[in-house]
Amino acid sequence: MMFVLSFYIFSFILSYFDFKKFLVPNDIMISLAGMLLVFGFIESKIFLSSIILTFVVLLFFIAIMLINRQMILGGGDIKYMMIVSLYLGLKPFALFLVLSGIFQTFSLLYVQKVRKRRIAPMVPMMFLATVIVDILVVKGIYPFIF
């Protein structure tokens, strides 16, 4: 219960900061990561695959940024995606990536075409995708059984 509750409270705060200030504070991210690890181990919701997935996400973005130095991607987005991978785990994270990509694309198109700004807050879109994935997992709709 505390695992999920801490994720949602901190994610809401991070979404607000990103939406208003385009900022994802490190102290909030560190607190969230610490709480997820502690409560995740206590409630048996963190597995080795979640921890490995977090490092895979980090390595992926390091490689992308080394290949394409002109890429516009904030460090807060990467940190939050690592937290989401720790929270969701392996199978739900795949659906999160799809939904998050769709939401972020529409958000970026709206901000660039309608509002005429270059950057858009991405943490709120990732949080929305996480909420939807969580609902689908709780309802037993995802992951699909083949």
C-alpha atoms as a PDB file:
ATOM      1  CA  MET A   1       0.000   0.000   0.000  1.00  0.00           C
ATOM      2  CA  MET A   2       2.757   2.492   0.947  1.00  0.00           C
ATOM      3  CA  PHE A   3       4.694   1.505  -2.181  1.00  0.00           C
ATOM      4  CA  VAL A   4       1.833   2.631  -4.440  1.00  0.00           C
ATOM      5  CA  LEU A   5       0.823   5.584  -2.280  1.00  0.00           C
ATOM      6  CA  SER A   6       4.314   7.066  -2.150  1.00  0.00           C
ATOM      7  CA  PHE A   7       4.690   6.664  -5.916  1.00  0.00           C
ATOM      8  CA  TYR A   8       1.428   8.480  -6.629  1.00  0.00           C
ATOM      9  CA  ILE A   9       1.973  11.330  -4.161  1.00  0.00           C
ATOM     10  CA  PHE A  10       5.509  12.037  -5.327  1.00  0.00           C
ATOM     11  CA  SER A  11       4.579  11.618  -9.013  1.00  0.00           C
ATOM     12  CA  PHE A  12       1.788  14.146  -8.653  1.00  0.00           C
ATOM     13  CA  ILE A  13       4.224  16.632  -7.117  1.00  0.00           C
ATOM     14  CA  LEU A  14       6.812  15.964  -9.844  1.00  0.00           C
ATOM     15  CA  SER A  15       4.163  16.389 -12.542  1.00  0.00           C
ATOM     16  CA  TYR A  16       3.186  19.739 -11.077  1.00  0.00           C
ATOM     17  CA  PHE A  17       6.806  20.967 -10.969  1.00  0.00           C
ATOM     18  CA  ASP A  18       7.458  19.812 -14.528  1.00  0.00           C
ATOM     19  CA  PHE A  19       4.233  21.367 -15.825  1.00  0.00           C
ATOM     20  CA  LYS A  20       4.754  24.716 -14.101  1.00  0.00           C
ATOM     21  CA  LYS A  21       8.541  25.115 -14.088  1.00  0.00           C
ATOM     22  CA  PHE A  22       9.931  22.473 -16.491  1.00  0.00           C
ATOM     23  CA  LEU A  23      11.896  21.192 -13.530  1.00  0.00           C
ATOM     24  CA  VAL A  24      12.171  17.764 -11.895  1.00  0.00           C
ATOM     25  CA  PRO A  25      13.912  18.353  -8.541  1.00  0.00           C
ATOM     26  CA  ASN A  26      16.624  15.851  -7.658  1.00  0.00           C
ATOM     27  CA  ASP A  27      15.776  15.839  -3.948  1.00  0.00           C
ATOM     28  CA  ILE A  28      12.204  14.734  -4.689  1.00  0.00           C
ATOM     29  CA  MET A  29      13.454  12.078  -7.131  1.00  0.00           C
ATOM     30  CA  ILE A  30      15.936  10.728  -4.565  1.00  0.00           C
ATOM     31  CA  SER A  31      13.243  10.652  -1.876  1.00  0.00           C
ATOM     32  CA  LEU A  32      10.854   8.845  -4.213  1.00  0.00           C
ATOM     33  CA  ALA A  33      13.492   6.302  -5.235  1.00  0.00           C
ATOM     34  CA  GLY A  34      14.405   5.654  -1.602  1.00  0.00           C
ATOM     35  CA  MET A  35      10.795   5.218  -0.552  1.00  0.00           C
ATOM     36  CA  LEU A  36      10.071   2.902  -3.480  1.00  0.00           C
ATOM     37  CA  LEU A  37      13.064   0.742  -2.643  1.00  0.00           C
ATOM     38  CA  VAL A  38      12.274   0.550   1.076  1.00  0.00           C
ATOM     39  CA  PHE A  39       8.531  -0.012   0.713  1.00  0.00           C
ATOM     40  CA  GLY A  40       9.042  -2.216  -2.349  1.00  0.00           C
ATOM     41  CA  PHE A  41      11.274  -4.596  -0.428  1.00  0.00           C
ATOM     42  CA  ILE A  42       9.021  -4.543   2.641  1.00  0.00           C
ATOM     43  CA  GLU A  43       5.888  -5.219   0.565  1.00  0.00           C
ATOM     44  CA  SER A  44       7.707  -7.616  -1.838  1.00  0.00           C
ATOM     45  CA  LYS A  45       6.888  -5.475  -4.880  1.00  0.00           C
ATOM     46  CA  ILE A  46      10.421  -4.955  -6.158  1.00  0.00           C
ATOM     47  CA  PHE A  47      12.118  -7.742  -8.036  1.00  0.00           C
ATOM     48  CA  LEU A  48      15.574  -8.129  -9.508  1.00  0.00           C
ATOM     49  CA  SER A  49      14.103  -7.644 -12.997  1.00  0.00           C
ATOM     50  CA  SER A  50      12.795  -4.196 -11.964  1.00  0.00           C
ATOM     51  CA  ILE A  51      16.222  -3.125 -10.751  1.00  0.00           C
ATOM     52  CA  ILE A  52      17.905  -4.454 -13.899  1.00  0.00           C
ATOM     53  CA  LEU A  53      15.266  -2.709 -16.050  1.00  0.00           C
ATOM     54  CA  THR A  54      16.058   0.586 -14.312  1.00  0.00           C
ATOM     55  CA  PHE A  55      19.723   0.274 -15.264  1.00  0.00           C
ATOM     56  CA  VAL A  56      18.829  -0.786 -18.823  1.00  0.00           C
ATOM     57  CA  VAL A  57      16.736   2.390 -19.185  1.00  0.00           C
ATOM     58  CA  LEU A  58      19.692   4.453 -17.947  1.00  0.00           C
ATOM     59  CA  LEU A  59      22.146   2.767 -20.314  1.00  0.00           C
ATOM     60  CA  PHE A  60      19.733   3.169 -23.229  1.00  0.00           C
ATOM     61  CA  PHE A  61      19.452   6.920 -22.713  1.00  0.00           C
ATOM     62  CA  ILE A  62      23.200   7.309 -22.196  1.00  0.00           C
ATOM     63  CA  ALA A  63      23.757   5.555 -25.534  1.00  0.00           C
ATOM     64  CA  ILE A  64      21.099   7.673 -27.282  1.00  0.00           C
ATOM     65  CA  MET A  65      22.559  10.906 -25.962  1.00  0.00           C
ATOM     66  CA  LEU A  66      26.070   9.871 -27.002  1.00  0.00           C
ATOM     67  CA  ILE A  67      24.877   9.014 -30.514  1.00  0.00           C
ATOM     68  CA  ASN A  68      22.656  12.073 -31.007  1.00  0.00           C
ATOM     69  CA  ARG A  69      23.993  15.040 -29.065  1.00  0.00           C
ATOM     70  CA  GLN A  70      21.325  17.361 -30.526  1.00  0.00           C
ATOM     71  CA  MET A  71      18.484  15.381 -28.977  1.00  0.00           C
ATOM     72  CA  ILE A  72      16.073  17.424 -26.876  1.00  0.00           C
ATOM     73  CA  LEU A  73      15.394  15.363 -23.791  1.00  0.00           C
ATOM     74  CA  GLY A  74      15.575  16.604 -20.249  1.00  0.00           C
ATOM     75  CA  GLY A  75      17.380  14.742 -17.541  1.00  0.00           C
ATOM     76  CA  GLY A  76      14.239  14.820 -15.411  1.00  0.00           C
ATOM     77  CA  ASP A  77      12.385  12.789 -17.998  1.00  0.00           C
ATOM     78  CA  ILE A  78      15.059  10.111 -17.927  1.00  0.00           C
ATOM     79  CA  LYS A  79      15.168  10.017 -14.125  1.00  0.00           C
ATOM     80  CA  TYR A  80      11.397   9.741 -13.908  1.00  0.00           C
ATOM     81  CA  MET A  81      11.316   6.961 -16.511  1.00  0.00           C
ATOM     82  CA  MET A  82      13.846   5.058 -14.417  1.00  0.00           C
ATOM     83  CA  ILE A  83      11.581   5.451 -11.381  1.00  0.00           C
ATOM     84  CA  VAL A  84       8.572   4.261 -13.398  1.00  0.00           C
ATOM     85  CA  SER A  85      10.511   1.182 -14.527  1.00  0.00           C
ATOM     86  CA  LEU A  86      11.290   0.425 -10.884  1.00  0.00           C
ATOM     87  CA  TYR A  87       7.645   0.929  -9.926  1.00  0.00           C
ATOM     88  CA  LEU A  88       5.920  -0.955 -12.766  1.00  0.00           C
ATOM     89  CA  GLY A  89       8.258  -3.845 -13.405  1.00  0.00           C
ATOM     90  CA  LEU A  90       9.095  -5.549 -16.679  1.00  0.00           C
ATOM     91  CA  LYS A  91       5.826  -6.512 -18.399  1.00  0.00           C
ATOM     92  CA  PRO A  92       3.757  -3.413 -17.559  1.00  0.00           C
ATOM     93  CA  PHE A  93       6.696  -1.192 -18.531  1.00  0.00           C
ATOM     94  CA  ALA A  94       6.343  -2.285 -22.154  1.00  0.00           C
ATOM     95  CA  LEU A  95       2.778  -0.986 -22.307  1.00  0.00           C
ATOM     96  CA  PHE A  96       3.870   2.142 -20.446  1.00  0.00           C
ATOM     97  CA  LEU A  97       6.415   2.877 -23.192  1.00  0.00           C
ATOM     98  CA  VAL A  98       3.754   2.647 -25.900  1.00  0.00           C
ATOM     99  CA  LEU A  99       1.190   4.784 -24.071  1.00  0.00           C
ATOM    100  CA  SER A 100       3.772   7.279 -22.906  1.00  0.00           C
ATOM    101  CA  GLY A 101       5.099   7.661 -26.437  1.00  0.00           C
ATOM    102  CA  ILE A 102       1.610   8.330 -27.785  1.00  0.00           C
ATOM    103  CA  PHE A 103       0.765  10.855 -25.055  1.00  0.00           C
ATOM    104  CA  GLN A 104       4.116  12.613 -25.362  1.00  0.00           C
ATOM    105  CA  THR A 105       3.803  12.866 -29.137  1.00  0.00           C
ATOM    106  CA  PHE A 106       0.382  14.505 -28.939  1.00  0.00           C
ATOM    107  CA  SER A 107       1.531  16.773 -26.119  1.00  0.00           C
ATOM    108  CA  LEU A 108       4.614  17.858 -28.048  1.00  0.00           C
ATOM    109  CA  LEU A 109       2.601  18.472 -31.221  1.00  0.00           C
ATOM    110  CA  TYR A 110       0.108  20.592 -29.294  1.00  0.00           C
ATOM    111  CA  VAL A 111       2.792  22.620 -27.543  1.00  0.00           C
ATOM    112  CA  GLN A 112       4.839  23.198 -30.704  1.00  0.00           C
ATOM    113  CA  LYS A 113       2.023  23.810 -33.192  1.00  0.00           C
ATOM    114  CA  VAL A 114      -0.636  25.517 -31.072  1.00  0.00           C
ATOM    115  CA  ARG A 115       1.265  27.134 -28.206  1.00  0.00           C
ATOM    116  CA  LYS A 116       4.375  27.803 -30.359  1.00  0.00           C
ATOM    117  CA  ARG A 117       6.826  26.684 -27.692  1.00  0.00           C
ATOM    118  CA  ARG A 118       9.776  24.415 -28.265  1.00  0.00           C
ATOM    119  CA  ILE A 119       9.581  22.236 -25.155  1.00  0.00           C
ATOM    120  CA  ALA A 120       6.773  20.431 -23.362  1.00  0.00           C
ATOM    121  CA  PRO A 121       6.540  18.911 -19.899  1.00  0.00           C
ATOM    122  CA  MET A 122       6.820  15.146 -20.282  1.00  0.00           C
ATOM    123  CA  VAL A 123       6.553  13.913 -16.677  1.00  0.00           C
ATOM    124  CA  PRO A 124       2.776  14.555 -16.566  1.00  0.00           C
ATOM    125  CA  MET A 125       2.325  12.475 -19.735  1.00  0.00           C
ATOM    126  CA  MET A 126       4.444   9.653 -18.311  1.00  0.00           C
ATOM    127  CA  PHE A 127       2.463   9.818 -15.062  1.00  0.00           C
ATOM    128  CA  LEU A 128      -0.811   9.586 -17.011  1.00  0.00           C
ATOM    129  CA  ALA A 129       0.507   6.547 -18.895  1.00  0.00           C
ATOM    130  CA  THR A 130       1.539   4.954 -15.597  1.00  0.00           C
ATOM    131  CA  VAL A 131      -1.919   5.512 -14.098  1.00  0.00           C
ATOM    132  CA  ILE A 132      -3.566   3.856 -17.113  1.00  0.00           C
ATOM    133  CA  VAL A 133      -1.169   0.905 -17.027  1.00  0.00           C
ATOM    134  CA  ASP A 134      -1.764   0.535 -13.281  1.00  0.00           C
ATOM    135  CA  ILE A 135      -5.525   0.465 -13.815  1.00  0.00           C
ATOM    136  CA  LEU A 136      -5.192  -2.161 -16.559  1.00  0.00           C
ATOM    137  CA  VAL A 137      -2.950  -4.336 -14.376  1.00  0.00           C
ATOM    138  CA  VAL A 138      -5.256  -4.072 -11.340  1.00  0.00           C
ATOM    139  CA  LYS A 139      -8.322  -4.909 -13.473  1.00  0.00           C
ATOM    140  CA  GLY A 140      -6.474  -7.934 -14.877  1.00  0.00           C
ATOM    141  CA  ILE A 141      -6.643  -6.669 -18.457  1.00  0.00           C
ATOM    142  CA  TYR A 142      -2.850  -6.407 -18.809  1.00  0.00           C
ATOM    143  CA  PRO A 143      -0.514  -8.253 -19.148  1.00  0.00           C
ATOM    144  CA  PHE A 144      -2.254 -10.347 -21.738  1.00  0.00           C
ATOM    145  CA  ILE A 145      -2.126 -14.106 -21.377  1.00  0.00           C
ATOM    146  CA  PHE A 146      -1.062 -15.798 -24.601  1.00  0.00           C
END
